[in-house]
Amino acid sequence: MKSEKITNVRQGEEKRRYDDACGTAHGLALIGERWALLVLRELMLGARRFSQLRADLPGISANVLTQRLSELEARGLVVKRRLPPPANVQVYEATEWGLEAEPIIQTLGRWAARSPSHDPTLPISGVSILLSMRTMFDREKVKGLNAVINFQFGHDSYVARIHGGEIDIVRGEAADASLTIAANPPANLAAVLYGKATCDLIEWSGDKALLDRFVDLFELPPKAPVPAS
């Protein structure tokens, strides 16, 4: 069955190949299909269940998600495994090579955010907003800031550690966090960080001074100029 799946994926790649030796062309063959890169994006911060992926990608059908996961698995970017008891559920996670795609996602996201037609008010997943934080933070403003912040999006928990001018984010909770931020939906946090909406849109507890400084760390890049018609 597995060899048959890999054969089907390779046959599909034959139809989509660009006959171009450039690595960019091969990269598009690997993750350029509709939804493929977004599925991989959702696995950047750890393993997810099928239902979690479906919930955070509301526009994708179950059949298409199944197909994309199978393709990414056959290409070596995703692995499927079963969690030990008592969880005993099947999850998908990015391989070490798959995780190397994060800079691609960051660069593409920052570039596309400059589009005059980009709409930041659309829904966004928790993973996506956290990855955007690692992309859009102001390096000058983050200098000298050392902080641990917990984030909660529904049942999903993450912790961000800000140190040495970088933001590291992993799944889980930190007992030493000075601030906890909860957003449901995650788009509310995006509105606070990028739309400069008030913190009434989110729930928080802990260090208010840290919250005020944290929400000021992020800014979308300037829009690209529109050519005169």
C-alpha atoms as a PDB file:
ATOM      1  CA  MET A   1       0.000   0.000   0.000  1.00  0.00           C
ATOM      2  CA  LYS A   2       2.803   2.428   0.906  1.00  0.00           C
ATOM      3  CA  SER A   3       4.711   1.759  -2.322  1.00  0.00           C
ATOM      4  CA  GLU A   4       1.483   2.258  -4.265  1.00  0.00           C
ATOM      5  CA  LYS A   5       0.964   5.632  -2.548  1.00  0.00           C
ATOM      6  CA  ILE A   6       4.516   6.727  -3.337  1.00  0.00           C
ATOM      7  CA  THR A   7       4.073   5.595  -6.952  1.00  0.00           C
ATOM      8  CA  ASN A   8       0.879   7.662  -7.269  1.00  0.00           C
ATOM      9  CA  VAL A   9       2.627  10.723  -5.845  1.00  0.00           C
ATOM     10  CA  ARG A  10       5.538  10.310  -8.244  1.00  0.00           C
ATOM     11  CA  GLN A  11       3.140   9.970 -11.164  1.00  0.00           C
ATOM     12  CA  GLY A  12       1.485  13.209 -10.061  1.00  0.00           C
ATOM     13  CA  GLU A  13       4.869  14.901  -9.856  1.00  0.00           C
ATOM     14  CA  GLU A  14       5.628  13.786 -13.403  1.00  0.00           C
ATOM     15  CA  LYS A  15       2.577  15.737 -14.536  1.00  0.00           C
ATOM     16  CA  ARG A  16       3.539  18.829 -12.544  1.00  0.00           C
ATOM     17  CA  ARG A  17       7.280  18.967 -13.143  1.00  0.00           C
ATOM     18  CA  TYR A  18       8.730  22.022 -14.818  1.00  0.00           C
ATOM     19  CA  ASP A  19      11.575  20.384 -16.758  1.00  0.00           C
ATOM     20  CA  ASP A  20      13.849  22.940 -15.115  1.00  0.00           C
ATOM     21  CA  ALA A  21      16.986  22.063 -13.116  1.00  0.00           C
ATOM     22  CA  CYS A  22      16.614  25.124 -10.847  1.00  0.00           C
ATOM     23  CA  GLY A  23      16.059  24.197  -7.207  1.00  0.00           C
ATOM     24  CA  THR A  24      13.175  26.672  -7.101  1.00  0.00           C
ATOM     25  CA  ALA A  25      11.358  24.658  -9.753  1.00  0.00           C
ATOM     26  CA  HIS A  26      11.842  21.448  -7.784  1.00  0.00           C
ATOM     27  CA  GLY A  27      10.772  23.234  -4.614  1.00  0.00           C
ATOM     28  CA  LEU A  28       7.490  24.159  -6.268  1.00  0.00           C
ATOM     29  CA  ALA A  29       7.018  20.538  -7.254  1.00  0.00           C
ATOM     30  CA  LEU A  30       7.464  19.579  -3.593  1.00  0.00           C
ATOM     31  CA  ILE A  31       5.328  22.189  -1.813  1.00  0.00           C
ATOM     32  CA  GLY A  32       3.836  24.398  -4.529  1.00  0.00           C
ATOM     33  CA  GLU A  33       0.507  22.622  -4.772  1.00  0.00           C
ATOM     34  CA  ARG A  34      -2.581  24.293  -3.273  1.00  0.00           C
ATOM     35  CA  TRP A  35      -2.618  23.911   0.538  1.00  0.00           C
ATOM     36  CA  ALA A  36       0.685  21.982   0.700  1.00  0.00           C
ATOM     37  CA  LEU A  37       2.776  24.778   2.195  1.00  0.00           C
ATOM     38  CA  LEU A  38       0.020  25.756   4.621  1.00  0.00           C
ATOM     39  CA  VAL A  39      -0.298  22.167   5.842  1.00  0.00           C
ATOM     40  CA  LEU A  40       3.464  22.108   6.410  1.00  0.00           C
ATOM     41  CA  ARG A  41       3.233  25.502   8.136  1.00  0.00           C
ATOM     42  CA  GLU A  42       0.808  24.077  10.696  1.00  0.00           C
ATOM     43  CA  LEU A  43       3.402  21.445  11.658  1.00  0.00           C
ATOM     44  CA  MET A  44       6.258  23.889  12.278  1.00  0.00           C
ATOM     45  CA  LEU A  45       5.664  23.984  16.045  1.00  0.00           C
ATOM     46  CA  GLY A  46       5.046  20.308  16.676  1.00  0.00           C
ATOM     47  CA  ALA A  47       2.878  17.317  15.877  1.00  0.00           C
ATOM     48  CA  ARG A  48      -0.841  17.810  15.168  1.00  0.00           C
ATOM     49  CA  ARG A  49      -3.836  15.531  14.849  1.00  0.00           C
ATOM     50  CA  PHE A  50      -5.812  15.433  11.619  1.00  0.00           C
ATOM     51  CA  SER A  51      -8.755  17.131  13.334  1.00  0.00           C
ATOM     52  CA  GLN A  52      -6.512  19.957  14.569  1.00  0.00           C
ATOM     53  CA  LEU A  53      -5.147  20.563  11.097  1.00  0.00           C
ATOM     54  CA  ARG A  54      -8.653  20.574   9.646  1.00  0.00           C
ATOM     55  CA  ALA A  55      -9.850  23.047  12.283  1.00  0.00           C
ATOM     56  CA  ASP A  56      -6.958  25.465  11.666  1.00  0.00           C
ATOM     57  CA  LEU A  57      -7.300  25.248   7.875  1.00  0.00           C
ATOM     58  CA  PRO A  58     -11.059  25.875   7.603  1.00  0.00           C
ATOM     59  CA  GLY A  59     -11.045  26.194   3.826  1.00  0.00           C
ATOM     60  CA  ILE A  60      -9.618  22.728   3.164  1.00  0.00           C
ATOM     61  CA  SER A  61     -11.756  19.611   2.694  1.00  0.00           C
ATOM     62  CA  ALA A  62     -11.001  16.356   4.502  1.00  0.00           C
ATOM     63  CA  ASN A  63     -10.187  14.654   1.196  1.00  0.00           C
ATOM     64  CA  VAL A  64      -7.735  17.336   0.101  1.00  0.00           C
ATOM     65  CA  LEU A  65      -6.058  17.393   3.529  1.00  0.00           C
ATOM     66  CA  THR A  66      -5.649  13.614   3.401  1.00  0.00           C
ATOM     67  CA  GLN A  67      -4.145  13.874  -0.069  1.00  0.00           C
ATOM     68  CA  ARG A  68      -1.719  16.652   0.862  1.00  0.00           C
ATOM     69  CA  LEU A  69      -0.550  14.825   3.980  1.00  0.00           C
ATOM     70  CA  SER A  70       0.032  11.654   1.952  1.00  0.00           C
ATOM     71  CA  GLU A  71       2.023  13.591  -0.645  1.00  0.00           C
ATOM     72  CA  LEU A  72       4.135  15.401   1.939  1.00  0.00           C
ATOM     73  CA  GLU A  73       4.764  12.108   3.706  1.00  0.00           C
ATOM     74  CA  ALA A  74       5.829  10.387   0.479  1.00  0.00           C
ATOM     75  CA  ARG A  75       8.200  13.280  -0.273  1.00  0.00           C
ATOM     76  CA  GLY A  76       9.909  12.975   3.107  1.00  0.00           C
ATOM     77  CA  LEU A  77       8.593  16.231   4.564  1.00  0.00           C
ATOM     78  CA  VAL A  78       6.052  14.784   6.991  1.00  0.00           C
ATOM     79  CA  VAL A  79       5.853  11.603   9.080  1.00  0.00           C
ATOM     80  CA  LYS A  80       2.829   9.938  10.626  1.00  0.00           C
ATOM     81  CA  ARG A  81       3.018   8.253  14.014  1.00  0.00           C
ATOM     82  CA  ARG A  82       0.801   7.146  16.886  1.00  0.00           C
ATOM     83  CA  LEU A  83       1.160   8.676  20.335  1.00  0.00           C
ATOM     84  CA  PRO A  84       1.626   6.180  23.178  1.00  0.00           C
ATOM     85  CA  PRO A  85      -1.208   5.471  25.681  1.00  0.00           C
ATOM     86  CA  PRO A  86      -3.174   7.040  27.188  1.00  0.00           C
ATOM     87  CA  ALA A  87      -3.427   9.403  24.183  1.00  0.00           C
ATOM     88  CA  ASN A  88      -3.168   6.618  21.590  1.00  0.00           C
ATOM     89  CA  VAL A  89      -4.001   8.936  18.684  1.00  0.00           C
ATOM     90  CA  GLN A  90      -2.431   9.366  15.274  1.00  0.00           C
ATOM     91  CA  VAL A  91      -0.518  12.569  14.644  1.00  0.00           C
ATOM     92  CA  TYR A  92       1.463  14.129  11.831  1.00  0.00           C
ATOM     93  CA  GLU A  93       4.730  15.994  12.283  1.00  0.00           C
ATOM     94  CA  ALA A  94       7.290  17.654  10.067  1.00  0.00           C
ATOM     95  CA  THR A  95      10.565  15.843   9.506  1.00  0.00           C
ATOM     96  CA  GLU A  96      13.869  17.564  10.226  1.00  0.00           C
ATOM     97  CA  TRP A  97      14.064  18.435   6.533  1.00  0.00           C
ATOM     98  CA  GLY A  98      10.453  19.612   6.547  1.00  0.00           C
ATOM     99  CA  LEU A  99      11.204  21.982   9.425  1.00  0.00           C
ATOM    100  CA  GLU A 100      13.893  23.608   7.290  1.00  0.00           C
ATOM    101  CA  ALA A 101      11.042  25.162   5.289  1.00  0.00           C
ATOM    102  CA  GLU A 102      10.304  27.691   8.058  1.00  0.00           C
ATOM    103  CA  PRO A 103      12.575  30.411   6.584  1.00  0.00           C
ATOM    104  CA  ILE A 104      10.748  29.940   3.264  1.00  0.00           C
ATOM    105  CA  ILE A 105       7.411  30.471   5.011  1.00  0.00           C
ATOM    106  CA  GLN A 106       8.772  33.515   6.854  1.00  0.00           C
ATOM    107  CA  THR A 107      10.243  35.153   3.753  1.00  0.00           C
ATOM    108  CA  LEU A 108       7.173  34.456   1.633  1.00  0.00           C
ATOM    109  CA  GLY A 109       4.871  35.765   4.352  1.00  0.00           C
ATOM    110  CA  ARG A 110       6.813  38.992   4.828  1.00  0.00           C
ATOM    111  CA  TRP A 111       7.041  39.552   1.067  1.00  0.00           C
ATOM    112  CA  ALA A 112       3.332  38.860   0.484  1.00  0.00           C
ATOM    113  CA  ALA A 113       2.279  41.094   3.394  1.00  0.00           C
ATOM    114  CA  ARG A 114       3.530  44.032   1.303  1.00  0.00           C
ATOM    115  CA  SER A 115       0.846  43.349  -1.299  1.00  0.00           C
ATOM    116  CA  PRO A 116      -1.769  46.132  -1.408  1.00  0.00           C
ATOM    117  CA  SER A 117      -4.434  43.425  -1.610  1.00  0.00           C
ATOM    118  CA  HIS A 118      -3.298  41.539   1.508  1.00  0.00           C
ATOM    119  CA  ASP A 119      -6.138  41.418   4.039  1.00  0.00           C
ATOM    120  CA  PRO A 120      -4.809  40.955   7.609  1.00  0.00           C
ATOM    121  CA  THR A 121      -8.370  40.774   9.000  1.00  0.00           C
ATOM    122  CA  LEU A 122      -8.993  37.288   7.576  1.00  0.00           C
ATOM    123  CA  PRO A 123      -8.911  34.261   9.941  1.00  0.00           C
ATOM    124  CA  ILE A 124      -5.476  33.056  11.036  1.00  0.00           C
ATOM    125  CA  SER A 125      -4.391  29.976  12.975  1.00  0.00           C
ATOM    126  CA  GLY A 126      -2.534  30.016  16.270  1.00  0.00           C
ATOM    127  CA  VAL A 127       0.555  28.482  14.690  1.00  0.00           C
ATOM    128  CA  SER A 128       0.469  31.040  11.891  1.00  0.00           C
ATOM    129  CA  ILE A 129       0.284  34.024  14.248  1.00  0.00           C
ATOM    130  CA  LEU A 130       3.153  32.638  16.330  1.00  0.00           C
ATOM    131  CA  LEU A 131       5.307  32.070  13.246  1.00  0.00           C
ATOM    132  CA  SER A 132       4.478  35.597  12.104  1.00  0.00           C
ATOM    133  CA  MET A 133       5.812  36.892  15.418  1.00  0.00           C
ATOM    134  CA  ARG A 134       9.163  35.290  14.614  1.00  0.00           C
ATOM    135  CA  THR A 135       9.045  37.042  11.240  1.00  0.00           C
ATOM    136  CA  MET A 136       7.678  40.507  11.970  1.00  0.00           C
ATOM    137  CA  PHE A 137       9.349  41.494  15.254  1.00  0.00           C
ATOM    138  CA  ASP A 138      11.369  44.700  15.320  1.00  0.00           C
ATOM    139  CA  ARG A 139      14.947  43.714  16.148  1.00  0.00           C
ATOM    140  CA  GLU A 140      15.732  47.123  17.596  1.00  0.00           C
ATOM    141  CA  LYS A 141      12.754  47.063  19.956  1.00  0.00           C
ATOM    142  CA  VAL A 142      13.461  43.511  21.124  1.00  0.00           C
ATOM    143  CA  LYS A 143      17.057  44.298  22.085  1.00  0.00           C
ATOM    144  CA  GLY A 144      17.645  43.850  25.776  1.00  0.00           C
ATOM    145  CA  LEU A 145      14.274  42.200  26.374  1.00  0.00           C
ATOM    146  CA  ASN A 146      14.337  38.907  28.250  1.00  0.00           C
ATOM    147  CA  ALA A 147      10.907  37.402  28.810  1.00  0.00           C
ATOM    148  CA  VAL A 148       8.923  34.180  28.928  1.00  0.00           C
ATOM    149  CA  ILE A 149       5.327  34.356  27.701  1.00  0.00           C
ATOM    150  CA  ASN A 150       2.694  31.625  27.553  1.00  0.00           C
ATOM    151  CA  PHE A 151       0.098  31.594  24.758  1.00  0.00           C
ATOM    152  CA  GLN A 152      -3.203  29.739  24.694  1.00  0.00           C
ATOM    153  CA  PHE A 153      -5.381  29.209  21.644  1.00  0.00           C
ATOM    154  CA  GLY A 154      -8.279  27.010  22.683  1.00  0.00           C
ATOM    155  CA  HIS A 155      -6.745  23.740  23.902  1.00  0.00           C
ATOM    156  CA  ASP A 156      -3.332  24.486  22.335  1.00  0.00           C
ATOM    157  CA  SER A 157      -0.573  25.952  24.515  1.00  0.00           C
ATOM    158  CA  TYR A 158       2.748  27.443  23.461  1.00  0.00           C
ATOM    159  CA  VAL A 159       5.587  29.272  25.174  1.00  0.00           C
ATOM    160  CA  ALA A 160       7.734  32.040  23.721  1.00  0.00           C
ATOM    161  CA  ARG A 161      11.161  32.834  25.143  1.00  0.00           C
ATOM    162  CA  ILE A 162      12.602  36.183  24.142  1.00  0.00           C
ATOM    163  CA  HIS A 163      16.344  36.419  24.711  1.00  0.00           C
ATOM    164  CA  GLY A 164      19.393  37.692  22.878  1.00  0.00           C
ATOM    165  CA  GLY A 165      17.319  39.525  20.288  1.00  0.00           C
ATOM    166  CA  GLU A 166      15.481  36.383  19.172  1.00  0.00           C
ATOM    167  CA  ILE A 167      12.079  34.807  19.811  1.00  0.00           C
ATOM    168  CA  ASP A 168      11.979  31.035  20.294  1.00  0.00           C
ATOM    169  CA  ILE A 169       8.560  29.349  20.391  1.00  0.00           C
ATOM    170  CA  VAL A 170       7.693  25.756  21.320  1.00  0.00           C
ATOM    171  CA  ARG A 171       4.600  23.837  22.360  1.00  0.00           C
ATOM    172  CA  GLY A 172       3.750  23.587  26.044  1.00  0.00           C
ATOM    173  CA  GLU A 173       3.611  25.890  29.051  1.00  0.00           C
ATOM    174  CA  ALA A 174       6.361  27.453  31.148  1.00  0.00           C
ATOM    175  CA  ALA A 175       6.079  27.708  34.918  1.00  0.00           C
ATOM    176  CA  ASP A 176       8.441  30.693  34.880  1.00  0.00           C
ATOM    177  CA  ALA A 177       6.331  32.756  32.453  1.00  0.00           C
ATOM    178  CA  SER A 178       5.727  36.354  33.503  1.00  0.00           C
ATOM    179  CA  LEU A 179       2.770  36.784  31.162  1.00  0.00           C
ATOM    180  CA  THR A 180       0.017  34.585  29.736  1.00  0.00           C
ATOM    181  CA  ILE A 181      -1.964  35.607  26.651  1.00  0.00           C
ATOM    182  CA  ALA A 182      -5.098  33.795  25.462  1.00  0.00           C
ATOM    183  CA  ALA A 183      -6.837  34.568  22.177  1.00  0.00           C
ATOM    184  CA  ASN A 184      -9.969  32.964  20.805  1.00  0.00           C
ATOM    185  CA  PRO A 185      -9.978  33.261  17.865  1.00  0.00           C
ATOM    186  CA  PRO A 186      -6.232  33.749  17.251  1.00  0.00           C
ATOM    187  CA  ALA A 187      -7.114  36.557  14.820  1.00  0.00           C
ATOM    188  CA  ASN A 188      -7.833  38.706  17.874  1.00  0.00           C
ATOM    189  CA  LEU A 189      -4.151  38.577  18.793  1.00  0.00           C
ATOM    190  CA  ALA A 190      -3.235  39.502  15.222  1.00  0.00           C
ATOM    191  CA  ALA A 191      -5.523  42.526  15.502  1.00  0.00           C
ATOM    192  CA  VAL A 192      -3.698  43.623  18.663  1.00  0.00           C
ATOM    193  CA  LEU A 193      -0.184  43.032  17.305  1.00  0.00           C
ATOM    194  CA  TYR A 194      -0.613  44.339  13.758  1.00  0.00           C
ATOM    195  CA  GLY A 195      -3.821  46.352  13.778  1.00  0.00           C
ATOM    196  CA  LYS A 196      -2.878  48.023  17.083  1.00  0.00           C
ATOM    197  CA  ALA A 197      -6.307  47.187  18.495  1.00  0.00           C
ATOM    198  CA  THR A 198      -6.720  47.432  22.266  1.00  0.00           C
ATOM    199  CA  CYS A 199      -5.870  44.502  24.508  1.00  0.00           C
ATOM    200  CA  ASP A 200      -9.568  44.134  25.308  1.00  0.00           C
ATOM    201  CA  LEU A 201      -9.669  41.668  22.397  1.00  0.00           C
ATOM    202  CA  ILE A 202      -7.465  39.194  24.255  1.00  0.00           C
ATOM    203  CA  GLU A 203      -7.327  37.683  27.718  1.00  0.00           C
ATOM    204  CA  TRP A 204      -4.129  38.105  29.669  1.00  0.00           C
ATOM    205  CA  SER A 205      -2.688  37.715  33.133  1.00  0.00           C
ATOM    206  CA  GLY A 206       0.644  38.681  34.628  1.00  0.00           C
ATOM    207  CA  ASP A 207       3.030  41.541  33.964  1.00  0.00           C
ATOM    208  CA  LYS A 208       1.092  44.465  32.421  1.00  0.00           C
ATOM    209  CA  ALA A 209       4.268  46.411  31.632  1.00  0.00           C
ATOM    210  CA  LEU A 210       5.582  43.386  29.708  1.00  0.00           C
ATOM    211  CA  LEU A 211       2.282  43.111  27.815  1.00  0.00           C
ATOM    212  CA  ASP A 212       2.469  46.761  26.764  1.00  0.00           C
ATOM    213  CA  ARG A 213       6.037  46.341  25.565  1.00  0.00           C
ATOM    214  CA  PHE A 214       5.357  43.010  23.874  1.00  0.00           C
ATOM    215  CA  VAL A 215       2.443  44.158  21.705  1.00  0.00           C
ATOM    216  CA  ASP A 216       4.601  47.028  20.443  1.00  0.00           C
ATOM    217  CA  LEU A 217       7.320  44.705  19.105  1.00  0.00           C
ATOM    218  CA  PHE A 218       5.583  43.828  15.845  1.00  0.00           C
ATOM    219  CA  GLU A 219       4.781  45.688  12.664  1.00  0.00           C
ATOM    220  CA  LEU A 220       3.797  44.667   9.154  1.00  0.00           C
ATOM    221  CA  PRO A 221       6.185  45.761   6.384  1.00  0.00           C
ATOM    222  CA  PRO A 222       5.231  48.804   4.279  1.00  0.00           C
ATOM    223  CA  LYS A 223       2.984  48.179   1.303  1.00  0.00           C
ATOM    224  CA  ALA A 224       4.590  47.924  -2.119  1.00  0.00           C
ATOM    225  CA  PRO A 225       3.957  50.919  -4.356  1.00  0.00           C
ATOM    226  CA  VAL A 226       1.176  50.541  -6.886  1.00  0.00           C
ATOM    227  CA  PRO A 227       2.305  51.415 -10.437  1.00  0.00           C
ATOM    228  CA  ALA A 228       0.467  54.376 -11.889  1.00  0.00           C
ATOM    229  CA  SER A 229      -2.066  53.347 -14.503  1.00  0.00           C
END
